[in-house]
Structure formats: structure tokens, C-alpha cells
């Protein structure tokens, strides 16, 4: 949260929560392992060998 606030993004009113399976459809996740949330019929492409996005 502090990192987001340092960039000027106020997230003080947002509460962290686990994403639902419905929200996961078509989603892109960076660094987070969401394999335990995906239904068995959903293929997950892992891009672990790609560099993380640069900080601006």
C-alpha cells in the first residue's frame, strides 16, 4: 500500500480481497499465482520467464 501511495495513488479506502473465479476469466496477473483459483477447464499461461514491468 505504501508503494502505491508513494506514486500518488490513494488506496486507503480499498480492502484487499481474493479474486473470484468469475473475475479471473480473461484476467492478466503479474507475479501472483492464481492456479488454485482457476477452474480445471481454464488453461493458464505462465510467463514466469518474462521481466517484470518497469517502474515509471
PDB file of N, CA and C in Angstrom:
ATOM      1  N   UNK A   1       0.811  -1.181   0.000  1.00  0.00           N
ATOM      2  CA  UNK A   1       0.000   0.000   0.000  1.00  0.00           C
ATOM      3  C   UNK A   1       0.864   1.258   0.000  1.00  0.00           C
ATOM      4  N   UNK A   2       1.951   1.209   0.741  1.00  0.00           N
ATOM      5  CA  UNK A   2       2.824   2.383   0.810  1.00  0.00           C
ATOM      6  C   UNK A   2       3.424   2.697  -0.546  1.00  0.00           C
ATOM      7  N   UNK A   3       3.749   1.661  -1.302  1.00  0.00           N
ATOM      8  CA  UNK A   3       4.306   1.876  -2.634  1.00  0.00           C
ATOM      9  C   UNK A   3       3.325   2.578  -3.549  1.00  0.00           C
ATOM     10  N   UNK A   4       2.065   2.200  -3.472  1.00  0.00           N
ATOM     11  CA  UNK A   4       1.045   2.855  -4.295  1.00  0.00           C
ATOM     12  C   UNK A   4       0.836   4.296  -3.848  1.00  0.00           C
ATOM     13  N   UNK A   5       0.809   4.517  -2.549  1.00  0.00           N
ATOM     14  CA  UNK A   5       0.633   5.878  -2.039  1.00  0.00           C
ATOM     15  C   UNK A   5       1.803   6.763  -2.439  1.00  0.00           C
ATOM     16  N   UNK A   6       3.005   6.196  -2.480  1.00  0.00           N
ATOM     17  CA  UNK A   6       4.183   6.973  -2.858  1.00  0.00           C
ATOM     18  C   UNK A   6       4.097   7.462  -4.300  1.00  0.00           C
ATOM     19  N   UNK A   7       3.319   6.758  -5.133  1.00  0.00           N
ATOM     20  CA  UNK A   7       3.152   7.183  -6.521  1.00  0.00           C
ATOM     21  C   UNK A   7       1.947   8.093  -6.708  1.00  0.00           C
ATOM     22  N   UNK A   8       1.262   8.416  -5.588  1.00  0.00           N
ATOM     23  CA  UNK A   8       0.120   9.314  -5.663  1.00  0.00           C
ATOM     24  C   UNK A   8      -1.224   8.622  -5.777  1.00  0.00           C
ATOM     25  N   UNK A   9      -1.246   7.307  -5.691  1.00  0.00           N
ATOM     26  CA  UNK A   9      -2.491   6.556  -5.787  1.00  0.00           C
ATOM     27  C   UNK A   9      -3.023   6.273  -4.389  1.00  0.00           C
ATOM     28  N   UNK A  10      -4.165   6.856  -4.066  1.00  0.00           N
ATOM     29  CA  UNK A  10      -4.748   6.681  -2.738  1.00  0.00           C
ATOM     30  C   UNK A  10      -5.618   5.427  -2.729  1.00  0.00           C
ATOM     31  N   UNK A  11      -5.163   4.409  -2.021  1.00  0.00           N
ATOM     32  CA  UNK A  11      -5.910   3.155  -1.916  1.00  0.00           C
ATOM     33  C   UNK A  11      -6.377   2.917  -0.488  1.00  0.00           C
ATOM     34  N   UNK A  12      -6.401   3.963   0.311  1.00  0.00           N
ATOM     35  CA  UNK A  12      -6.736   3.828   1.732  1.00  0.00           C
ATOM     36  C   UNK A  12      -8.162   3.330   1.969  1.00  0.00           C
ATOM     37  N   UNK A  13      -9.055   3.518   1.013  1.00  0.00           N
ATOM     38  CA  UNK A  13     -10.436   3.065   1.195  1.00  0.00           C
ATOM     39  C   UNK A  13     -10.688   1.689   0.595  1.00  0.00           C
ATOM     40  N   UNK A  14      -9.673   1.091  -0.020  1.00  0.00           N
ATOM     41  CA  UNK A  14      -9.809  -0.224  -0.645  1.00  0.00           C
ATOM     42  C   UNK A  14      -9.331  -1.315   0.303  1.00  0.00           C
ATOM     43  N   UNK A  15     -10.084  -2.385   0.374  1.00  0.00           N
ATOM     44  CA  UNK A  15      -9.694  -3.521   1.198  1.00  0.00           C
ATOM     45  C   UNK A  15      -9.240  -4.663   0.297  1.00  0.00           C
ATOM     46  N   UNK A  16      -8.096  -5.262   0.588  1.00  0.00           N
ATOM     47  CA  UNK A  16      -7.646  -6.403  -0.220  1.00  0.00           C
ATOM     48  C   UNK A  16      -8.628  -7.567  -0.090  1.00  0.00           C
ATOM     49  N   UNK A  17      -8.830  -8.269  -1.172  1.00  0.00           N
ATOM     50  CA  UNK A  17      -9.682  -9.451  -1.148  1.00  0.00           C
ATOM     51  C   UNK A  17      -9.212 -10.404  -2.229  1.00  0.00           C
ATOM     52  N   UNK A  18      -9.568 -11.642  -2.064  1.00  0.00           N
ATOM     53  CA  UNK A  18      -9.200 -12.658  -3.038  1.00  0.00           C
ATOM     54  C   UNK A  18     -10.104 -12.529  -4.258  1.00  0.00           C
ATOM     55  N   UNK A  19      -9.523 -12.648  -5.426  1.00  0.00           N
ATOM     56  CA  UNK A  19     -10.285 -12.569  -6.671  1.00  0.00           C
ATOM     57  C   UNK A  19     -11.177 -13.801  -6.798  1.00  0.00           C
ATOM     58  N   UNK A  20     -12.333 -13.631  -7.403  1.00  0.00           N
ATOM     59  CA  UNK A  20     -13.247 -14.758  -7.602  1.00  0.00           C
ATOM     60  C   UNK A  20     -12.927 -15.455  -8.919  1.00  0.00           C
ATOM     61  N   UNK A  21     -13.424 -16.666  -9.080  1.00  0.00           N
ATOM     62  CA  UNK A  21     -13.221 -17.396 -10.336  1.00  0.00           C
ATOM     63  C   UNK A  21     -13.846 -16.641 -11.497  1.00  0.00           C
ATOM     64  N   UNK A  22     -14.987 -16.032 -11.278  1.00  0.00           N
ATOM     65  CA  UNK A  22     -15.658 -15.291 -12.345  1.00  0.00           C
ATOM     66  C   UNK A  22     -14.817 -14.098 -12.800  1.00  0.00           C
ATOM     67  N   UNK A  23     -14.169 -13.427 -11.859  1.00  0.00           N
ATOM     68  CA  UNK A  23     -13.335 -12.276 -12.198  1.00  0.00           C
ATOM     69  C   UNK A  23     -12.046 -12.701 -12.891  1.00  0.00           C
ATOM     70  N   UNK A  24     -11.650 -13.938 -12.688  1.00  0.00           N
ATOM     71  CA  UNK A  24     -10.400 -14.435 -13.233  1.00  0.00           C
ATOM     72  C   UNK A  24     -10.459 -14.670 -14.742  1.00  0.00           C
ATOM     73  N   UNK A  25     -11.664 -14.873 -15.273  1.00  0.00           N
ATOM     74  CA  UNK A  25     -11.808 -15.130 -16.695  1.00  0.00           C
ATOM     75  C   UNK A  25     -11.313 -13.920 -17.487  1.00  0.00           C
ATOM     76  N   UNK A  26     -10.339 -14.132 -18.321  1.00  0.00           N
ATOM     77  CA  UNK A  26      -9.793 -13.058 -19.145  1.00  0.00           C
ATOM     78  C   UNK A  26      -8.852 -12.122 -18.416  1.00  0.00           C
ATOM     79  N   UNK A  27      -8.517 -12.432 -17.177  1.00  0.00           N
ATOM     80  CA  UNK A  27      -7.648 -11.550 -16.397  1.00  0.00           C
ATOM     81  C   UNK A  27      -6.179 -11.806 -16.696  1.00  0.00           C
ATOM     82  N   UNK A  28      -5.384 -10.816 -16.412  1.00  0.00           N
ATOM     83  CA  UNK A  28      -3.928 -10.926 -16.502  1.00  0.00           C
ATOM     84  C   UNK A  28      -3.384 -10.670 -15.104  1.00  0.00           C
ATOM     85  N   UNK A  29      -2.542 -11.565 -14.638  1.00  0.00           N
ATOM     86  CA  UNK A  29      -1.970 -11.432 -13.309  1.00  0.00           C
ATOM     87  C   UNK A  29      -0.457 -11.435 -13.420  1.00  0.00           C
ATOM     88  N   UNK A  30       0.178 -10.458 -12.822  1.00  0.00           N
ATOM     89  CA  UNK A  30       1.633 -10.381 -12.835  1.00  0.00           C
ATOM     90  C   UNK A  30       2.160 -10.799 -11.471  1.00  0.00           C
ATOM     91  N   UNK A  31       2.989 -11.808 -11.447  1.00  0.00           N
ATOM     92  CA  UNK A  31       3.690 -12.297 -10.272  1.00  0.00           C
ATOM     93  C   UNK A  31       2.805 -13.144  -9.346  1.00  0.00           C
ATOM     94  N   UNK A  32       1.500 -13.011  -9.391  1.00  0.00           N
ATOM     95  CA  UNK A  32       0.619 -13.761  -8.499  1.00  0.00           C
ATOM     96  C   UNK A  32       0.281 -15.118  -9.103  1.00  0.00           C
ATOM     97  N   UNK A  33       0.366 -16.163  -8.288  1.00  0.00           N
ATOM     98  CA  UNK A  33      -0.014 -17.496  -8.733  1.00  0.00           C
ATOM     99  C   UNK A  33      -1.512 -17.666  -8.499  1.00  0.00           C
ATOM    100  N   UNK A  34      -2.250 -17.762  -9.570  1.00  0.00           N
ATOM    101  CA  UNK A  34      -3.707 -17.887  -9.466  1.00  0.00           C
ATOM    102  C   UNK A  34      -4.185 -19.277  -9.885  1.00  0.00           C
ATOM    103  N   UNK A  35      -3.280 -20.220 -10.005  1.00  0.00           N
ATOM    104  CA  UNK A  35      -3.639 -21.546 -10.499  1.00  0.00           C
ATOM    105  C   UNK A  35      -4.648 -22.256  -9.598  1.00  0.00           C
ATOM    106  N   UNK A  36      -4.635 -21.982  -8.298  1.00  0.00           N
ATOM    107  CA  UNK A  36      -5.598 -22.633  -7.403  1.00  0.00           C
ATOM    108  C   UNK A  36      -7.001 -22.046  -7.508  1.00  0.00           C
ATOM    109  N   UNK A  37      -7.144 -20.918  -8.190  1.00  0.00           N
ATOM    110  CA  UNK A  37      -8.456 -20.291  -8.353  1.00  0.00           C
ATOM    111  C   UNK A  37      -9.135 -20.671  -9.663  1.00  0.00           C
ATOM    112  N   UNK A  38      -8.349 -21.032 -10.647  1.00  0.00           N
ATOM    113  CA  UNK A  38      -8.900 -21.289 -11.976  1.00  0.00           C
ATOM    114  C   UNK A  38      -9.634 -22.626 -12.019  1.00  0.00           C
ATOM    115  N   UNK A  39     -10.796 -22.642 -12.650  1.00  0.00           N
ATOM    116  CA  UNK A  39     -11.484 -23.922 -12.832  1.00  0.00           C
ATOM    117  C   UNK A  39     -10.619 -24.851 -13.682  1.00  0.00           C
ATOM    118  N   UNK A  40     -10.783 -26.152 -13.534  1.00  0.00           N
ATOM    119  CA  UNK A  40      -9.939 -27.108 -14.267  1.00  0.00           C
ATOM    120  C   UNK A  40      -9.967 -26.930 -15.778  1.00  0.00           C
ATOM    121  N   UNK A  41     -11.073 -26.442 -16.324  1.00  0.00           N
ATOM    122  CA  UNK A  41     -11.178 -26.297 -17.783  1.00  0.00           C
ATOM    123  C   UNK A  41     -10.492 -25.037 -18.319  1.00  0.00           C
ATOM    124  N   UNK A  42      -9.994 -24.183 -17.445  1.00  0.00           N
ATOM    125  CA  UNK A  42      -9.335 -22.945 -17.859  1.00  0.00           C
ATOM    126  C   UNK A  42      -7.831 -23.167 -17.945  1.00  0.00           C
ATOM    127  N   UNK A  43      -7.275 -22.906 -19.117  1.00  0.00           N
ATOM    128  CA  UNK A  43      -5.831 -23.027 -19.304  1.00  0.00           C
ATOM    129  C   UNK A  43      -5.150 -21.773 -18.778  1.00  0.00           C
ATOM    130  N   UNK A  44      -4.057 -21.948 -18.079  1.00  0.00           N
ATOM    131  CA  UNK A  44      -3.299 -20.814 -17.549  1.00  0.00           C
ATOM    132  C   UNK A  44      -1.964 -20.757 -18.256  1.00  0.00           C
ATOM    133  N   UNK A  45      -1.679 -19.631 -18.874  1.00  0.00           N
ATOM    134  CA  UNK A  45      -0.375 -19.403 -19.495  1.00  0.00           C
ATOM    135  C   UNK A  45       0.520 -18.745 -18.470  1.00  0.00           C
ATOM    136  N   UNK A  46       1.681 -19.342 -18.201  1.00  0.00           N
ATOM    137  CA  UNK A  46       2.621 -18.786 -17.230  1.00  0.00           C
ATOM    138  C   UNK A  46       3.738 -18.090 -18.002  1.00  0.00           C
ATOM    139  N   UNK A  47       4.030 -16.886 -17.615  1.00  0.00           N
ATOM    140  CA  UNK A  47       5.087 -16.103 -18.240  1.00  0.00           C
ATOM    141  C   UNK A  47       6.160 -15.778 -17.211  1.00  0.00           C
ATOM    142  N   UNK A  48       6.497 -16.741 -16.387  1.00  0.00           N
ATOM    143  CA  UNK A  48       7.451 -16.513 -15.313  1.00  0.00           C
ATOM    144  C   UNK A  48       8.848 -16.120 -15.797  1.00  0.00           C
ATOM    145  N   UNK A  49       9.152 -16.415 -17.044  1.00  0.00           N
ATOM    146  CA  UNK A  49      10.474 -16.104 -17.551  1.00  0.00           C
ATOM    147  C   UNK A  49      10.576 -14.698 -18.150  1.00  0.00           C
ATOM    148  N   UNK A  50       9.490 -13.928 -18.084  1.00  0.00           N
ATOM    149  CA  UNK A  50       9.480 -12.559 -18.602  1.00  0.00           C
ATOM    150  C   UNK A  50       9.857 -11.575 -17.508  1.00  0.00           C
ATOM    151  N   UNK A  51      10.485 -10.506 -17.907  1.00  0.00           N
ATOM    152  CA  UNK A  51      10.849  -9.464 -16.956  1.00  0.00           C
ATOM    153  C   UNK A  51       9.595  -8.744 -16.450  1.00  0.00           C
ATOM    154  N   UNK A  52       9.621  -8.313 -15.206  1.00  0.00           N
ATOM    155  CA  UNK A  52       8.514  -7.547 -14.646  1.00  0.00           C
ATOM    156  C   UNK A  52       8.434  -6.176 -15.300  1.00  0.00           C
ATOM    157  N   UNK A  53       7.261  -5.580 -15.310  1.00  0.00           N
ATOM    158  CA  UNK A  53       7.130  -4.231 -15.883  1.00  0.00           C
ATOM    159  C   UNK A  53       8.030  -3.249 -15.123  1.00  0.00           C
ATOM    160  N   UNK A  54       8.568  -2.313 -15.846  1.00  0.00           N
ATOM    161  CA  UNK A  54       9.445  -1.311 -15.236  1.00  0.00           C
ATOM    162  C   UNK A  54       8.623  -0.300 -14.450  1.00  0.00           C
ATOM    163  N   UNK A  55       9.213   0.210 -13.401  1.00  0.00           N
ATOM    164  CA  UNK A  55       8.565   1.285 -12.651  1.00  0.00           C
ATOM    165  C   UNK A  55       8.810   2.601 -13.374  1.00  0.00           C
ATOM    166  N   UNK A  56       7.779   3.384 -13.456  1.00  0.00           N
ATOM    167  CA  UNK A  56       7.885   4.669 -14.161  1.00  0.00           C
ATOM    168  C   UNK A  56       8.040   5.778 -13.142  1.00  0.00           C
TER     169      UNK A  56
END
